[in-house]
Protein backbone atom coordinates (compact mmCIF):
# COMPACT_ATOMS: atom_id res chain seq x y z
CA MET A 1 91.00 97.59 105.77
CA LYS A 2 91.15 93.87 105.14
CA ARG A 3 94.67 92.77 104.27
CA ARG A 4 95.52 90.06 101.76
CA LEU A 5 96.01 86.78 103.56
CA ARG A 6 99.35 85.83 101.98
CA LYS A 7 100.84 89.13 103.13
CA ILE A 8 99.59 88.51 106.67
CA LEU A 9 101.05 84.99 106.67
CA SER A 10 104.40 85.92 105.15
CA GLU A 11 105.83 86.22 108.68
CA PHE A 12 104.50 82.84 109.79
CA LEU A 13 104.73 80.41 106.85
CA PRO A 14 107.57 79.40 104.52
CA GLN A 15 107.48 81.30 101.23
CA GLU A 16 107.00 78.11 99.20
CA LYS A 17 103.80 77.30 101.16
CA LEU A 18 102.14 80.68 100.64
CA ILE A 19 101.14 79.85 97.06
CA TYR A 20 98.75 77.22 98.47
CA VAL A 21 96.86 79.79 100.56
CA TYR A 22 93.69 81.46 99.25
CA ASN A 23 94.43 85.17 99.34
CA SER A 24 90.92 86.40 100.13
CA TYR A 25 88.63 85.87 103.10
CA ASP A 26 85.40 87.35 104.42
CA ILE A 27 84.77 89.12 107.70
CA VAL A 28 81.13 89.14 108.79
CA GLY A 29 80.72 90.94 112.10
CA ASP A 30 83.26 89.29 114.40
CA ILE A 31 83.51 86.08 112.29
CA ALA A 32 86.20 85.47 109.67
CA ILE A 33 85.44 82.90 106.96
CA ILE A 34 88.40 81.37 105.14
CA ARG A 35 88.95 78.69 102.50
CA LEU A 36 91.71 76.10 102.67
CA THR A 37 93.49 73.93 100.13
CA GLU A 38 94.60 70.40 100.95
CA ILE A 39 98.08 71.73 101.73
CA SER A 40 97.03 74.84 103.68
CA LYS A 41 94.73 72.72 105.91
CA LYS A 42 97.87 71.76 107.84
CA TYR A 43 98.29 75.38 108.87
CA ASP A 44 94.67 76.20 109.75
CA GLN A 45 95.49 77.23 113.34
CA ILE A 46 98.37 79.45 112.23
CA ILE A 47 96.15 81.09 109.61
CA ALA A 48 93.32 81.63 112.10
CA GLU A 49 95.60 83.10 114.77
CA ALA A 50 97.24 85.43 112.23
CA ILE A 51 93.84 86.78 111.14
CA MET A 52 92.70 87.31 114.75
CA ASN A 53 95.99 89.01 115.53
CA VAL A 54 95.55 91.50 112.66
CA HIS A 55 91.79 91.97 113.07
CA LYS A 56 91.29 92.47 116.80
CA ASN A 57 87.50 92.45 116.43
CA VAL A 58 87.47 88.88 115.01
CA LYS A 59 86.45 86.39 117.70
CA THR A 60 85.76 83.34 115.51
CA VAL A 61 87.39 81.77 112.46
CA LEU A 62 85.42 79.31 110.30
CA VAL A 63 86.48 77.45 107.18
CA GLN A 64 84.16 77.12 104.19
CA THR A 65 84.22 73.46 103.10
CA THR A 66 81.64 73.52 100.27
CA PRO A 67 80.65 76.04 97.59
CA ILE A 68 77.49 78.10 98.07
CA HIS A 69 74.74 75.90 96.67
CA GLY A 70 71.01 75.10 96.61
CA ASP A 71 67.91 77.28 96.63
CA LEU A 72 68.84 78.69 100.04
CA ARG A 73 72.38 79.66 98.90
CA LEU A 74 74.07 78.00 101.88
CA ARG A 75 77.60 76.71 102.41
CA LYS A 76 79.00 74.24 104.92
CA LEU A 77 81.23 75.83 107.54
CA GLU A 78 83.53 74.20 110.09
CA TYR A 79 84.96 75.67 113.26
CA VAL A 80 88.70 76.47 113.29
CA ALA A 81 89.49 78.80 116.21
CA GLY A 82 88.12 81.30 118.72
CA GLU A 83 84.52 81.15 119.90
CA ASN A 84 82.59 78.22 118.42
CA LYS A 85 79.61 80.04 116.90
CA THR A 86 77.99 80.96 113.58
CA THR A 87 75.86 83.96 114.63
CA THR A 88 77.04 87.55 114.66
CA VAL A 89 75.99 91.17 114.09
CA HIS A 90 77.52 92.86 111.06
CA LYS A 91 77.80 96.66 110.70
CA GLU A 92 77.48 98.22 107.26
CA SER A 93 76.56 101.69 105.99
CA GLY A 94 75.24 102.74 109.39
CA CYS A 95 73.02 99.63 109.66
CA LEU A 96 73.17 96.50 111.83
CA PHE A 97 72.57 93.03 110.43
CA SER A 98 72.09 90.01 112.66
CA VAL A 99 72.89 86.84 110.74
CA ASP A 100 73.68 83.15 111.10
CA VAL A 101 76.36 82.67 108.44
CA GLU A 102 75.69 78.92 108.28
CA LYS A 103 71.90 79.10 107.89
CA CYS A 104 71.53 82.30 105.81
CA TYR A 105 73.22 83.72 102.73
CA PHE A 106 75.25 86.85 103.44
CA SER A 107 78.06 88.49 101.47
CA PRO A 108 79.95 91.52 102.82
CA ARG A 109 81.44 91.91 99.33
CA LEU A 110 78.21 93.46 98.04
CA PHE A 111 78.41 96.50 100.34
CA TYR A 112 79.13 98.89 97.45
CA GLU A 113 76.23 97.55 95.38
CA ARG A 114 73.80 97.89 98.26
CA MET A 115 74.63 101.56 98.68
CA ARG A 116 74.84 102.21 94.93
CA VAL A 117 71.30 100.96 94.37
CA ALA A 118 69.91 102.70 97.46
CA LYS A 119 71.16 106.05 96.17
CA GLN A 120 69.09 105.65 92.99
CA VAL A 121 65.75 105.27 94.76
CA THR A 122 63.53 108.36 94.55
CA LYS A 123 60.89 109.58 96.98
CA GLY A 124 57.71 107.50 97.17
CA GLU A 125 58.95 104.48 95.21
CA VAL A 126 57.63 100.97 95.82
CA VAL A 127 60.33 98.31 95.50
CA VAL A 128 60.20 94.52 95.22
CA ASN A 129 63.34 92.70 96.38
CA MET A 130 62.89 89.23 94.88
CA PHE A 131 65.75 87.57 96.81
CA ALA A 132 66.09 89.57 100.01
CA GLY A 133 68.05 87.25 102.33
CA VAL A 134 68.36 88.79 105.80
CA GLY A 135 67.30 92.15 104.36
CA CYS A 136 70.58 93.96 103.61
CA PHE A 137 69.60 95.63 100.32
CA SER A 138 66.12 96.40 101.64
CA ILE A 139 67.13 97.87 105.00
CA ILE A 140 69.95 100.04 103.63
CA MET A 141 67.47 101.31 101.04
CA ALA A 142 64.89 102.00 103.76
CA ILE A 143 67.45 103.97 105.80
CA ARG A 144 69.21 105.79 102.96
CA SER A 145 66.28 106.78 100.72
CA GLU A 146 62.72 108.08 100.89
CA VAL A 147 61.28 104.82 99.57
CA GLU A 148 57.62 104.18 100.43
CA LYS A 149 57.91 100.43 100.98
CA ILE A 150 60.04 97.45 100.00
CA TYR A 151 58.43 94.03 99.62
CA SER A 152 61.27 91.71 100.65
CA ILE A 153 60.85 88.12 99.53
CA ASP A 154 62.94 85.09 100.47
CA VAL A 155 62.31 81.36 100.35
CA ASN A 156 64.45 80.67 103.45
CA PRO A 157 62.37 80.85 106.68
CA VAL A 158 65.51 81.37 108.77
CA ALA A 159 66.50 84.36 106.62
CA ILE A 160 63.01 85.80 107.10
CA LYS A 161 63.41 85.44 110.88
CA TYR A 162 66.70 87.35 110.78
CA MET A 163 65.21 89.94 108.42
CA GLN A 164 62.50 90.62 111.00
CA GLU A 165 65.16 90.96 113.71
CA ASN A 166 67.11 93.36 111.48
CA MET A 167 63.99 95.43 110.89
CA ARG A 168 63.78 95.81 114.67
CA LEU A 169 67.49 96.65 115.03
CA ASN A 170 67.28 99.33 112.34
CA ARG A 171 63.74 100.57 113.11
CA VAL A 172 62.34 100.23 109.61
CA TYR A 173 58.94 98.74 110.43
CA GLY A 174 56.35 99.78 107.87
CA LYS A 175 58.91 100.32 105.13
CA VAL A 176 60.30 96.78 104.81
CA ILE A 177 57.61 94.12 104.30
CA PRO A 178 59.04 90.57 104.78
CA ILE A 179 57.39 87.82 102.72
CA GLU A 180 58.38 84.15 102.91
CA GLY A 181 58.07 82.21 99.67
CA ASP A 182 59.31 81.71 96.13
CA ALA A 183 59.49 85.09 94.38
CA LYS A 184 57.69 83.97 91.22
CA GLU A 185 54.75 82.58 93.22
CA VAL A 186 54.57 85.59 95.54
CA ILE A 187 54.61 88.04 92.63
CA ASP A 188 52.06 86.07 90.63
CA LYS A 189 49.62 85.91 93.55
CA ARG A 190 50.23 89.15 95.46
CA LEU A 191 52.52 91.66 93.76
CA ARG A 192 51.47 92.12 90.14
CA HIS A 193 52.22 95.61 88.80
CA VAL A 194 53.01 97.20 92.16
CA ALA A 195 56.70 98.16 91.86
CA ASP A 196 58.68 101.08 90.51
CA ARG A 197 61.93 99.15 91.02
CA ILE A 198 62.92 95.46 91.19
CA LEU A 199 66.01 93.96 92.83
CA MET A 200 67.29 90.58 91.61
CA PRO A 201 70.42 89.90 93.72
CA LEU A 202 70.43 86.14 93.08
CA PRO A 203 72.67 85.52 90.06
CA GLU A 204 71.86 81.80 89.95
CA LYS A 205 68.16 82.41 89.26
CA ALA A 206 67.78 85.95 87.97
CA PHE A 207 67.65 85.04 84.28
CA THR A 208 64.81 82.54 84.63
CA TYR A 209 62.91 84.92 86.94
CA LEU A 210 63.06 87.92 84.56
CA PRO A 211 59.43 87.46 83.37
CA TYR A 212 58.26 87.72 86.99
CA ALA A 213 60.34 90.84 87.56
CA LEU A 214 58.50 92.40 84.60
CA LEU A 215 55.18 91.19 86.02
CA ALA A 216 55.88 92.98 89.31
CA LEU A 217 56.67 96.32 87.63
CA LYS A 218 53.96 98.94 87.28
CA LYS A 219 52.29 99.23 83.89
CA THR A 220 54.00 102.56 83.18
CA GLU A 221 57.75 102.13 83.57
CA GLY A 222 60.37 101.03 86.08
CA TRP A 223 63.84 99.75 86.86
CA ILE A 224 65.31 96.27 87.24
CA HIS A 225 68.67 95.72 88.96
CA TYR A 226 69.72 92.40 87.45
CA TYR A 227 72.62 90.28 88.74
CA ASP A 228 74.19 87.32 86.95
CA PHE A 229 77.27 85.09 86.90
CA GLU A 230 79.19 84.79 83.66
CA HIS A 231 82.20 82.82 82.44
CA ALA A 232 84.57 84.74 80.19
CA ARG A 233 87.91 83.78 78.70
CA LYS A 234 90.79 86.21 78.39
CA ASN A 235 89.55 87.64 75.08
CA GLU A 236 85.87 87.83 76.18
CA ASN A 237 83.95 90.57 77.99
CA PRO A 238 81.70 89.13 80.75
CA LEU A 239 79.61 92.29 80.92
CA GLU A 240 78.90 92.22 77.21
CA LYS A 241 78.04 88.49 77.31
CA VAL A 242 75.43 89.10 80.00
CA ARG A 243 74.07 92.17 78.23
CA LEU A 244 73.56 90.28 74.97
CA LYS A 245 71.82 87.41 76.77
CA VAL A 246 69.45 89.76 78.59
CA VAL A 247 68.75 91.85 75.47
CA GLU A 248 67.75 88.71 73.56
CA LYS A 249 65.48 87.58 76.41
CA LEU A 250 63.73 90.94 76.85
CA GLU A 251 63.24 91.37 73.10
CA SER A 252 61.64 87.92 72.95
CA LEU A 253 59.21 89.08 75.65
CA GLY A 254 58.29 92.17 73.65
CA VAL A 255 59.69 94.62 76.17
CA ALA A 256 60.83 98.17 75.39
CA PHE A 257 63.93 98.89 77.43
CA LYS A 258 67.36 100.46 77.73
CA ILE A 259 70.43 99.31 79.69
CA PRO A 260 72.18 102.57 80.64
CA PHE A 261 74.56 101.01 83.14
CA GLY A 262 76.37 97.77 83.85
CA ARG A 263 79.52 96.71 85.63
CA VAL A 264 81.51 93.73 86.84
CA VAL A 265 80.78 93.54 90.56
CA ARG A 266 83.56 91.07 91.41
CA THR A 267 85.38 87.97 90.30
CA THR A 268 84.02 84.75 91.80
CA GLY A 269 86.59 82.26 90.50
CA PRO A 270 88.99 81.67 87.61
CA ASN A 271 87.32 83.30 84.58
CA TRP A 272 84.03 83.70 86.46
CA TYR A 273 82.46 87.09 87.17
CA GLN A 274 79.45 88.57 88.90
CA VAL A 275 77.82 91.24 86.75
CA VAL A 276 75.05 93.79 87.35
CA LEU A 277 72.85 95.51 84.76
CA ASP A 278 70.55 98.44 85.52
CA ILE A 279 67.61 98.00 83.12
CA ALA A 280 65.14 100.80 82.41
CA VAL A 281 61.83 99.29 81.25
CA LYS A 282 59.29 101.26 79.18
CA ARG A 283 55.79 100.02 78.54
C-alpha cells in the first residue's frame, strides 16, 4: 500500500521541514508523481530516492508543476529522478492501461469508482462514457460486466490513441467504441436515445453537459453517474450542495428522477471535494 510521504521522509529530513512536504502522491504504473512547495523543492532528490526505495517498482519520479487544467485536463510535469519518461503501463482491477501521463488525463485515485460503477451494469446494457480518457471506466466495465457496448468519447486525440491501444491490451474490441470529439456534439449527431447508462467523469464540465446526458439516454429510463467538484466550509455538506444544484437543474428540464446514492469520492484541496451522484431517470 502507498505510504504517506511525510512518514517515509521522517528518516531523511529534519522534523521542522516535513510540514512543507505534500503528504500524498500518485503512482501510475512505474511512475510516481509528486508535488513540491517552494521549500521542499530543495529536497526533490531526497524525496524521489525515498519513494523509489520504498516502492521498488517505481522507475521514474516526476513533479507536477501546474494544476490540471484546460479541456484536455492536462498538467505540466518535470523530470526529477530515475528514467526520464512520461509513458507507462498501469495495472488496475485485472486490466492494463497504457498511458502518457503528460499528454493524457489519468487518475489512479478513481480505482474504487471505476469498479463500483462497473458492478452496477446489467446484461445487454448500452453505455455512453462522455469523457472516457484512455478508457479506464469503459474497459473495466467491458471486462467486469456483460455490457453490450460502450461508446467512449474524448476530445483528446492522444487519449483516443491510447484508448485504442488499451482495447488491444485488454481484448475488448467490439464492446468499447472509441469516438474522438466533444461529447455534446457527438451525442447530438450520433448518439441520441441509445444508452441505458451515462458516465460523466469530468467534474469540470458535467453540470453544463447534463442536457446532453439526458439526450443520450433511451426514451424509457436510465442511469447517469454524475461527478462534480464542490467547495464546502466546515459547517457545509459538499454532497448535499451538489445534490441540490443537480435537483434544481433536472427539475428545470422537466425530468422525473431519483438520486438513490451519492458519496464524496475524495478531497481535492482545502475545502474542495469530488462528489458522485447516481441518478435514476424516468421518462
